C-alpha cells in the first residue's frame, strides 16, 4: 500500500497482460493490478510489478473495491493475490504438475514471445559459428510463462533456425504450439526450470574442449582465470544416460542448485541463466577456459593459481550478482579445495564427490573382485616357484 491507501487497476477485459499495459500503474499510484483468471501475465509484466511493489490480483469480479481478503472479494468470487513484490523472479515455480495451471498457447504469439524467438535464433547462429553444434545438434529454450517454455525443434540446424521453426511446450514436455516437433531433449531443460525458479534460459551444446572433459569424466581446476570463477566456477559431471529420456534429464538434478553449468558425460554441456543469451555466454566461458588450460599445459610449466584470498574476493562478487557456486556451502568447501590440489600441474581433475562421477571409475565390488583376481594370480605364480 502507498500511504495506507489501496488503489486498484482493473484489467479484466484482457487475455494477455504485458509490461506496456501496467507501466501507467506507477504514475497513477496503483497498489493492486487485478486481472481475470484466464489472463496470461508475461514475465516482463510480473517483473515490472515486483520492481514497483505492486500486487497482482488474479480472479474475482471487477468491483473497484479493495483487494481480495482471504481469497474472496466483495462480490464473493474467488480471487488470488500473487505477491509479485515479494518474489525473487518473474516466474513462479510450481512444485508438481497438479499445482500448475494449464498452459496457454496464446503466450506463444505475444510481442514478448516474438522477441524471445529472435533471441533464440541469434543464439543458435552463435553456437554454430563457434562450432559448438554440428548437424542438427544442440537445443535452446526459454521459460516464458509459469507453464510455458519456448524451445527449438528437432532435426533443424541451429544456423538455419527461424522464428517460425520454434515451438512451445508445457513443463511436462507436451507440445502446445508450433508447426515443427519439439526437440527430443527438452526434458533436460524442463527439469532445470522446475528445480531452479531463477532459470529462464537454457542452452545445450557440444563445444569440443568442454566436451573433451565430459567424455573423460574429469573437470577443469578452478582458481586460474577470474572471469571463469565469477561466471561459471566449479562445474559438475553428470552420469551418462540415453539422451532424450527422463532418466537422462534427471541426471543433472543433484547439481542444479549449486551450479549453472554441468558437463554431461559422453555427451556435451548444459548451461542455464536468466536469459538465453547469458546461458550461451556461460557455454563460451567454460569452453574457452578448457581450451586455454589445454594450451597452457603444452608449455611444460606448472599453471599458477589465484590465491585463496583473491578467490574469496571473486566469490564475493559472484554472490553479489546472484550466481550459484558449490563453494558457498561451507560444508563442502574443504572437499572442493582438496580436489583442486590433486596435482599442481593437472588440468583434468577428478570431480569431488558432490560434483559428479568419473567415467570409468570402478565401484567397490568391482575393485574387490579385481584385487582378489590379482592376489590369486600372484599367489598361484609364487606356488609354482
Protein backbone atom coordinates (compact mmCIF):
# COMPACT_ATOMS: atom_id res chain seq x y z
CA UNK A 1 0.00 0.00 0.00
CA UNK A 2 1.06 3.59 -0.56
CA UNK A 3 0.35 5.86 2.43
CA UNK A 4 -2.05 3.22 3.70
CA UNK A 5 -4.34 3.67 0.70
CA UNK A 6 -5.45 0.89 -1.64
CA UNK A 7 -5.87 1.74 -5.31
CA UNK A 8 -6.80 -0.87 -7.89
CA UNK A 9 -6.21 -1.02 -11.61
CA UNK A 10 -8.80 -3.41 -13.05
CA UNK A 11 -7.78 -5.02 -16.35
CA UNK A 12 -10.40 -7.76 -16.56
CA UNK A 13 -11.08 -7.47 -20.29
CA UNK A 14 -7.62 -8.56 -21.47
CA UNK A 15 -6.45 -12.06 -22.25
CA UNK A 16 -2.74 -11.13 -22.03
CA UNK A 17 -1.16 -8.60 -19.65
CA UNK A 18 2.15 -7.13 -20.87
CA UNK A 19 4.57 -4.65 -19.33
CA UNK A 20 3.16 -1.94 -21.60
CA UNK A 21 -0.26 -2.47 -20.02
CA UNK A 22 0.99 -1.86 -16.48
CA UNK A 23 3.55 0.90 -16.99
CA UNK A 24 0.96 3.58 -16.18
CA UNK A 25 0.24 1.99 -12.81
CA UNK A 26 3.22 3.67 -11.14
CA UNK A 27 2.33 7.25 -12.06
CA UNK A 28 -1.30 6.55 -11.15
CA UNK A 29 -0.30 5.42 -7.65
CA UNK A 30 -1.79 1.95 -8.13
CA UNK A 31 -1.22 -0.61 -5.35
CA UNK A 32 -3.01 -3.62 -6.91
CA UNK A 33 -3.46 -4.72 -10.53
CA UNK A 34 -6.46 -7.00 -10.96
CA UNK A 35 -6.84 -9.39 -13.91
CA UNK A 36 -9.19 -12.21 -14.87
CA UNK A 37 -8.34 -15.82 -14.03
CA UNK A 38 -7.86 -16.64 -17.71
CA UNK A 39 -5.40 -13.78 -18.28
CA UNK A 40 -1.81 -14.65 -19.19
CA UNK A 41 0.68 -12.37 -17.40
CA UNK A 42 4.01 -12.11 -19.19
CA UNK A 43 7.26 -12.35 -17.19
CA UNK A 44 8.18 -8.75 -18.04
CA UNK A 45 4.86 -7.55 -16.61
CA UNK A 46 5.44 -9.55 -13.43
CA UNK A 47 8.98 -8.21 -13.12
CA UNK A 48 7.75 -4.63 -13.56
CA UNK A 49 5.10 -5.07 -10.86
CA UNK A 50 7.63 -6.64 -8.49
CA UNK A 51 10.15 -3.85 -9.00
CA UNK A 52 7.48 -1.26 -8.21
CA UNK A 53 5.93 -3.11 -5.23
CA UNK A 54 2.54 -3.52 -6.89
CA UNK A 55 0.45 -6.58 -6.03
CA UNK A 56 -1.12 -8.74 -8.74
CA UNK A 57 -4.65 -10.00 -8.01
CA UNK A 58 -5.89 -12.85 -10.22
CA UNK A 59 -9.57 -13.79 -10.41
CA UNK A 60 -12.66 -12.45 -8.66
CA UNK A 61 -15.10 -9.87 -10.00
CA UNK A 62 -14.25 -6.36 -11.15
CA UNK A 63 -15.67 -4.14 -8.41
CA UNK A 64 -13.25 -1.29 -7.98
CA UNK A 65 -13.17 -2.10 -4.26
CA UNK A 66 -10.16 -3.11 -2.21
CA UNK A 67 -8.10 -6.23 -2.86
CA UNK A 68 -9.42 -9.69 -2.13
CA UNK A 69 -9.48 -10.67 1.52
CA UNK A 70 -8.89 -14.31 2.46
CA UNK A 71 -9.36 -15.42 -1.12
CA UNK A 72 -12.62 -13.56 -1.88
CA UNK A 73 -13.59 -10.08 -2.89
CA UNK A 74 -16.70 -8.04 -2.19
CA UNK A 75 -18.61 -9.85 -4.88
CA UNK A 76 -17.96 -13.24 -3.29
CA UNK A 77 -15.95 -14.57 -6.25
CA UNK A 78 -12.68 -16.37 -5.54
CA UNK A 79 -9.53 -14.33 -6.10
CA UNK A 80 -5.83 -14.94 -5.57
CA UNK A 81 -3.25 -12.33 -4.59
CA UNK A 82 0.06 -13.09 -6.25
CA UNK A 83 2.72 -11.47 -4.12
CA UNK A 84 4.83 -10.33 -7.05
CA UNK A 85 6.57 -7.75 -4.90
CA UNK A 86 7.95 -10.45 -2.63
CA UNK A 87 9.03 -12.97 -5.26
CA UNK A 88 12.58 -13.47 -6.49
CA UNK A 89 11.72 -13.93 -10.13
CA UNK A 90 9.02 -13.15 -12.64
CA UNK A 91 8.03 -16.80 -12.93
CA UNK A 92 6.53 -18.83 -10.13
CA UNK A 93 7.87 -22.37 -9.75
CA UNK A 94 5.08 -24.85 -9.13
CA UNK A 95 6.40 -27.99 -7.47
CA UNK A 96 4.12 -30.52 -9.14
CA UNK A 97 2.01 -30.89 -12.23
CA UNK A 98 -1.10 -30.88 -10.03
CA UNK A 99 -0.42 -27.32 -8.81
CA UNK A 100 0.37 -25.88 -12.25
CA UNK A 101 -2.31 -24.23 -14.31
CA UNK A 102 -2.90 -25.41 -17.86
CA UNK A 103 -0.53 -23.96 -20.43
CA UNK A 104 -1.85 -21.16 -22.62
CA UNK A 105 -0.95 -21.32 -26.35
CA UNK A 106 -1.75 -17.59 -26.70
CA UNK A 107 1.50 -16.75 -24.97
CA UNK A 108 3.37 -18.11 -28.00
CA UNK A 109 2.32 -15.18 -30.19
CA UNK A 110 2.73 -12.27 -27.77
CA UNK A 111 5.24 -9.50 -28.57
CA UNK A 112 7.46 -10.80 -25.77
CA UNK A 113 7.43 -14.29 -27.29
CA UNK A 114 8.36 -12.91 -30.70
CA UNK A 115 11.38 -11.16 -29.15
CA UNK A 116 12.40 -14.39 -27.41
CA UNK A 117 12.19 -16.30 -30.69
CA UNK A 118 14.54 -13.83 -32.37
CA UNK A 119 16.98 -14.14 -29.46
CA UNK A 120 16.93 -17.95 -29.66
CA UNK A 121 17.66 -17.82 -33.40
CA UNK A 122 20.56 -15.41 -32.82
CA UNK A 123 21.99 -17.69 -30.13
CA UNK A 124 21.63 -20.67 -32.46
CA UNK A 125 23.78 -18.95 -35.07
CA UNK A 126 26.41 -18.06 -32.43
CA UNK A 127 26.60 -21.71 -31.36
CA UNK A 128 27.02 -22.88 -34.96
CA UNK A 129 29.58 -20.19 -35.81
CA UNK A 130 31.66 -21.11 -32.77
CA UNK A 131 31.45 -24.82 -33.75
CA UNK A 132 29.62 -25.72 -30.54
CA UNK A 133 27.00 -27.66 -32.54
CA UNK A 134 27.06 -29.67 -35.75
CA UNK A 135 24.37 -31.19 -37.92
CA UNK A 136 21.10 -30.71 -36.05
CA UNK A 137 22.77 -30.98 -32.62
CA UNK A 138 22.10 -28.86 -29.57
CA UNK A 139 18.92 -27.27 -28.25
CA UNK A 140 17.82 -23.96 -26.74
CA UNK A 141 14.85 -22.98 -24.60
CA UNK A 142 13.29 -20.09 -22.68
CA UNK A 143 10.67 -20.25 -19.95
CA UNK A 144 8.23 -17.52 -20.91
CA UNK A 145 5.40 -18.39 -18.52
CA UNK A 146 4.64 -20.40 -15.39
CA UNK A 147 3.88 -23.47 -17.52
CA UNK A 148 5.16 -22.44 -20.95
CA UNK A 149 8.61 -22.94 -22.47
CA UNK A 150 9.62 -21.88 -25.98
CA UNK A 151 12.18 -24.23 -27.49
CA UNK A 152 13.98 -25.25 -30.65
CA UNK A 153 12.57 -28.06 -32.83
CA UNK A 154 14.13 -31.41 -33.58
CA UNK A 155 16.16 -32.06 -36.73
CA UNK A 156 16.97 -28.43 -37.59
CA UNK A 157 20.46 -26.94 -37.78
CA UNK A 158 20.89 -24.11 -35.28
CA UNK A 159 22.35 -21.97 -38.05
CA UNK A 160 19.18 -22.29 -40.11
CA UNK A 161 16.68 -21.52 -37.32
CA UNK A 162 13.89 -19.03 -37.98
CA UNK A 163 11.19 -17.84 -35.55
CA UNK A 164 8.61 -19.92 -37.45
CA UNK A 165 10.58 -23.09 -36.63
CA UNK A 166 10.23 -22.69 -32.86
CA UNK A 167 7.63 -24.36 -30.71
CA UNK A 168 6.24 -24.22 -27.17
CA UNK A 169 5.77 -26.95 -24.57
CA UNK A 170 4.42 -27.15 -21.04
CA UNK A 171 6.54 -28.25 -18.07
CA UNK A 172 5.62 -31.88 -18.70
CA UNK A 173 7.04 -31.71 -22.24
CA UNK A 174 3.70 -31.69 -24.07
CA UNK A 175 3.83 -29.50 -27.16
CA UNK A 176 1.16 -26.80 -27.13
CA UNK A 177 2.22 -24.55 -30.03
CA UNK A 178 4.44 -24.51 -33.10
CA UNK A 179 4.49 -26.21 -36.50
CA UNK A 180 7.57 -28.39 -36.02
CA UNK A 181 8.03 -31.16 -33.41
CA UNK A 182 9.87 -30.07 -30.25
CA UNK A 183 13.47 -31.06 -29.53
CA UNK A 184 13.77 -34.60 -28.20
CA UNK A 185 15.91 -33.36 -25.29
CA UNK A 186 13.51 -30.77 -23.89
CA UNK A 187 13.00 -32.84 -20.72
CA UNK A 188 16.55 -31.91 -19.65
CA UNK A 189 15.65 -28.21 -19.79
CA UNK A 190 12.34 -28.73 -18.01
CA UNK A 191 13.93 -30.49 -15.04
CA UNK A 192 16.18 -27.46 -14.59
CA UNK A 193 13.29 -24.99 -14.79
CA UNK A 194 11.29 -26.97 -12.24
CA UNK A 195 14.22 -27.19 -9.82
CA UNK A 196 15.62 -23.66 -10.27
CA UNK A 197 12.94 -20.92 -10.36
CA UNK A 198 15.57 -18.31 -11.29
CA UNK A 199 16.45 -20.13 -14.52
CA UNK A 200 14.67 -18.80 -17.59
CA UNK A 201 17.03 -19.68 -20.44
CA UNK A 202 18.96 -22.90 -21.12
CA UNK A 203 21.45 -23.92 -23.80
CA UNK A 204 22.63 -27.46 -24.51
CA UNK A 205 25.51 -27.86 -26.96
CA UNK A 206 28.69 -29.83 -27.67
CA UNK A 207 31.67 -27.41 -27.51
CA UNK A 208 34.73 -29.57 -28.26
CA UNK A 209 37.06 -28.53 -25.42
CA UNK A 210 34.47 -28.75 -22.65
CA UNK A 211 33.09 -31.97 -24.16
CA UNK A 212 36.62 -33.42 -24.05
CA UNK A 213 36.35 -33.16 -20.26
CA UNK A 214 32.84 -34.62 -20.32
CA UNK A 215 33.94 -37.77 -22.17
CA UNK A 216 36.77 -38.39 -19.71
CA UNK A 217 34.79 -37.74 -16.53
CA UNK A 218 37.17 -35.00 -15.48
CA UNK A 219 36.69 -31.35 -14.57
CA UNK A 220 39.00 -28.37 -15.06
CA UNK A 221 40.72 -26.94 -11.96
CA UNK A 222 39.41 -23.66 -10.62
CA UNK A 223 41.25 -20.56 -9.34
CA UNK A 224 43.04 -19.89 -12.63
CA UNK A 225 41.10 -17.18 -14.54
CA UNK A 226 38.88 -14.58 -12.78
CA UNK A 227 36.09 -14.48 -15.37
CA UNK A 228 35.62 -18.24 -15.18
CA UNK A 229 35.47 -18.09 -11.36
CA UNK A 230 32.77 -15.42 -11.36
CA UNK A 231 30.51 -16.56 -14.19
CA UNK A 232 30.91 -20.35 -14.05
CA UNK A 233 33.37 -21.60 -11.41
CA UNK A 234 33.03 -25.16 -10.23
CA UNK A 235 31.44 -27.42 -12.85
CA UNK A 236 29.85 -30.80 -12.22
CA UNK A 237 29.81 -34.00 -14.27
CA UNK A 238 26.52 -35.86 -14.52
CA UNK A 239 26.43 -39.63 -15.18
CA UNK A 240 25.61 -40.92 -18.66
CA UNK A 241 22.06 -41.82 -19.64
CA UNK A 242 20.45 -42.15 -23.07
CA UNK A 243 19.70 -38.64 -24.40
CA UNK A 244 16.04 -37.70 -24.60
CA UNK A 245 14.94 -39.97 -21.77
CA UNK A 246 13.57 -38.88 -18.40
CA UNK A 247 16.48 -40.67 -16.74
CA UNK A 248 18.86 -38.51 -18.78
CA UNK A 249 17.01 -35.34 -17.79
CA UNK A 250 17.18 -36.22 -14.11
CA UNK A 251 20.96 -36.77 -14.09
CA UNK A 252 21.54 -33.03 -13.55
CA UNK A 253 19.21 -32.66 -10.56
CA UNK A 254 21.86 -33.22 -7.85
CA UNK A 255 23.87 -30.29 -9.23
CA UNK A 256 21.42 -27.63 -10.43
CA UNK A 257 21.14 -25.71 -7.16
CA UNK A 258 24.87 -25.02 -6.82
CA UNK A 259 25.96 -24.76 -10.46
CA UNK A 260 24.88 -23.05 -13.68
CA UNK A 261 26.86 -25.41 -15.92
CA UNK A 262 27.04 -29.19 -15.97
CA UNK A 263 29.22 -31.44 -18.10
CA UNK A 264 27.07 -34.27 -19.48
CA UNK A 265 29.10 -37.48 -19.50
CA UNK A 266 29.93 -38.70 -23.03
CA UNK A 267 27.68 -36.02 -24.47
CA UNK A 268 28.24 -32.26 -24.06
CA UNK A 269 27.22 -29.48 -21.68
CA UNK A 270 24.09 -27.73 -20.40
CA UNK A 271 24.10 -24.12 -19.15
CA UNK A 272 21.25 -22.07 -17.72
CA UNK A 273 20.75 -18.43 -16.75
CA UNK A 274 18.22 -15.62 -16.55
CA UNK A 275 18.27 -15.23 -20.35
CA UNK A 276 19.12 -17.42 -23.32
CA UNK A 277 21.96 -15.06 -24.26
CA UNK A 278 23.54 -15.32 -20.82
CA UNK A 279 23.30 -19.11 -20.88
CA UNK A 280 25.18 -19.05 -24.19
CA UNK A 281 27.80 -16.79 -22.63
CA UNK A 282 28.44 -19.42 -19.96
CA UNK A 283 28.97 -22.02 -22.70
CA UNK A 284 31.56 -19.71 -24.27
CA UNK A 285 33.26 -19.09 -20.93
CA UNK A 286 33.58 -22.76 -19.99
CA UNK A 287 34.78 -23.92 -23.42
CA UNK A 288 37.33 -21.13 -23.78
CA UNK A 289 38.58 -21.88 -20.26
CA UNK A 290 39.05 -25.57 -21.06
CA UNK A 291 40.79 -24.68 -24.32
CA UNK A 292 43.13 -22.23 -22.56
CA UNK A 293 44.09 -24.86 -19.97
CA UNK A 294 44.90 -27.33 -22.76
CA UNK A 295 47.14 -24.76 -24.46
CA UNK A 296 48.85 -23.82 -21.20
CA UNK A 297 49.59 -27.46 -20.40
CA UNK A 298 51.70 -27.66 -23.56
CA UNK A 299 54.14 -25.05 -22.24
CA UNK A 300 55.68 -27.59 -19.89
CA UNK A 301 55.49 -25.45 -16.73
CA UNK A 302 53.02 -25.52 -13.81
CA UNK A 303 49.86 -23.47 -14.11
CA UNK A 304 49.72 -20.80 -11.41
CA UNK A 305 46.57 -20.44 -9.33
CA UNK A 306 44.84 -17.42 -7.83
CA UNK A 307 45.41 -17.21 -4.08
CA UNK A 308 42.67 -18.25 -1.67
CA UNK A 309 42.31 -14.63 -0.51
CA UNK A 310 41.75 -13.34 -4.02
CA UNK A 311 39.49 -16.29 -4.79
CA UNK A 312 37.34 -15.25 -1.82
CA UNK A 313 37.09 -11.76 -3.36
CA UNK A 314 35.87 -13.27 -6.62
CA UNK A 315 33.31 -15.42 -4.81
CA UNK A 316 32.01 -12.29 -3.06
CA UNK A 317 31.48 -10.69 -6.46
CA UNK A 318 29.76 -13.84 -7.68
CA UNK A 319 27.41 -13.92 -4.70
CA UNK A 320 26.59 -10.23 -5.13
CA UNK A 321 25.29 -10.81 -8.67
CA UNK A 322 23.25 -13.82 -7.63
CA UNK A 323 25.16 -16.63 -9.34
CA UNK A 324 25.41 -20.09 -7.72
CA UNK A 325 28.60 -21.85 -6.59
CA UNK A 326 29.17 -25.05 -4.65
CA UNK A 327 31.80 -23.26 -2.57
CA UNK A 328 29.14 -21.05 -0.95
CA UNK A 329 28.27 -24.15 1.06
CA UNK A 330 30.88 -24.14 3.82
CA UNK A 331 30.41 -27.86 4.49
CA UNK A 332 31.68 -28.68 1.02
CA UNK A 333 34.36 -26.02 0.72
CA UNK A 334 37.23 -28.15 2.04
CA UNK A 335 36.32 -31.07 -0.21
CA UNK A 336 36.25 -28.84 -3.29
CA UNK A 337 39.54 -27.19 -2.37
CA UNK A 338 41.24 -30.57 -1.98
CA UNK A 339 40.05 -31.66 -5.42
CA UNK A 340 41.84 -28.66 -6.93
CA UNK A 341 45.06 -29.67 -5.19
CA UNK A 342 45.19 -33.16 -6.73
CA UNK A 343 48.33 -32.03 -8.51
CA UNK A 344 49.59 -28.56 -9.29
CA UNK A 345 50.24 -29.50 -12.91
CA UNK A 346 47.00 -31.32 -13.74
CA UNK A 347 44.38 -29.66 -15.90
CA UNK A 348 41.98 -32.62 -15.66
CA UNK A 349 40.83 -33.40 -12.13
CA UNK A 350 38.55 -35.99 -10.68
CA UNK A 351 35.40 -34.18 -9.55
CA UNK A 352 34.87 -34.02 -5.80
CA UNK A 353 32.08 -36.33 -4.66
CA UNK A 354 29.46 -33.59 -4.58
CA UNK A 355 30.24 -32.56 -8.18
CA UNK A 356 29.65 -35.78 -10.07
CA UNK A 357 31.05 -39.06 -11.23
CA UNK A 358 34.21 -40.04 -13.02
CA UNK A 359 33.77 -42.11 -16.13
CA UNK A 360 35.44 -45.48 -15.79
CA UNK A 361 35.77 -45.28 -12.01
CA UNK A 362 35.22 -48.76 -10.56
CA UNK A 363 32.73 -49.30 -7.78
CA UNK A 364 33.67 -51.10 -4.51
CA UNK A 365 32.55 -54.65 -5.53
CA UNK A 366 34.41 -54.33 -8.82
CA UNK A 367 37.58 -53.21 -7.03
CA UNK A 368 37.26 -56.11 -4.57
CA UNK A 369 36.95 -58.62 -7.43
CA UNK A 370 39.95 -57.09 -9.16
CA UNK A 371 42.06 -57.27 -6.00
CA UNK A 372 41.08 -60.91 -5.47
CA UNK A 373 41.91 -61.82 -9.07
CA UNK A 374 45.34 -60.18 -8.86
CA UNK A 375 46.04 -61.75 -5.44
CA UNK A 376 45.10 -65.23 -6.66
CA UNK A 377 47.30 -64.82 -9.71
CA UNK A 378 50.27 -63.69 -7.63
CA UNK A 379 49.86 -66.49 -5.07
CA UNK A 380 49.49 -69.03 -7.86
CA UNK A 381 52.68 -67.82 -9.51
CA UNK A 382 54.57 -67.97 -6.20
CA UNK A 383 53.36 -71.56 -5.61
CA UNK A 384 54.87 -72.68 -8.89
CA UNK A 385 58.33 -71.41 -7.98
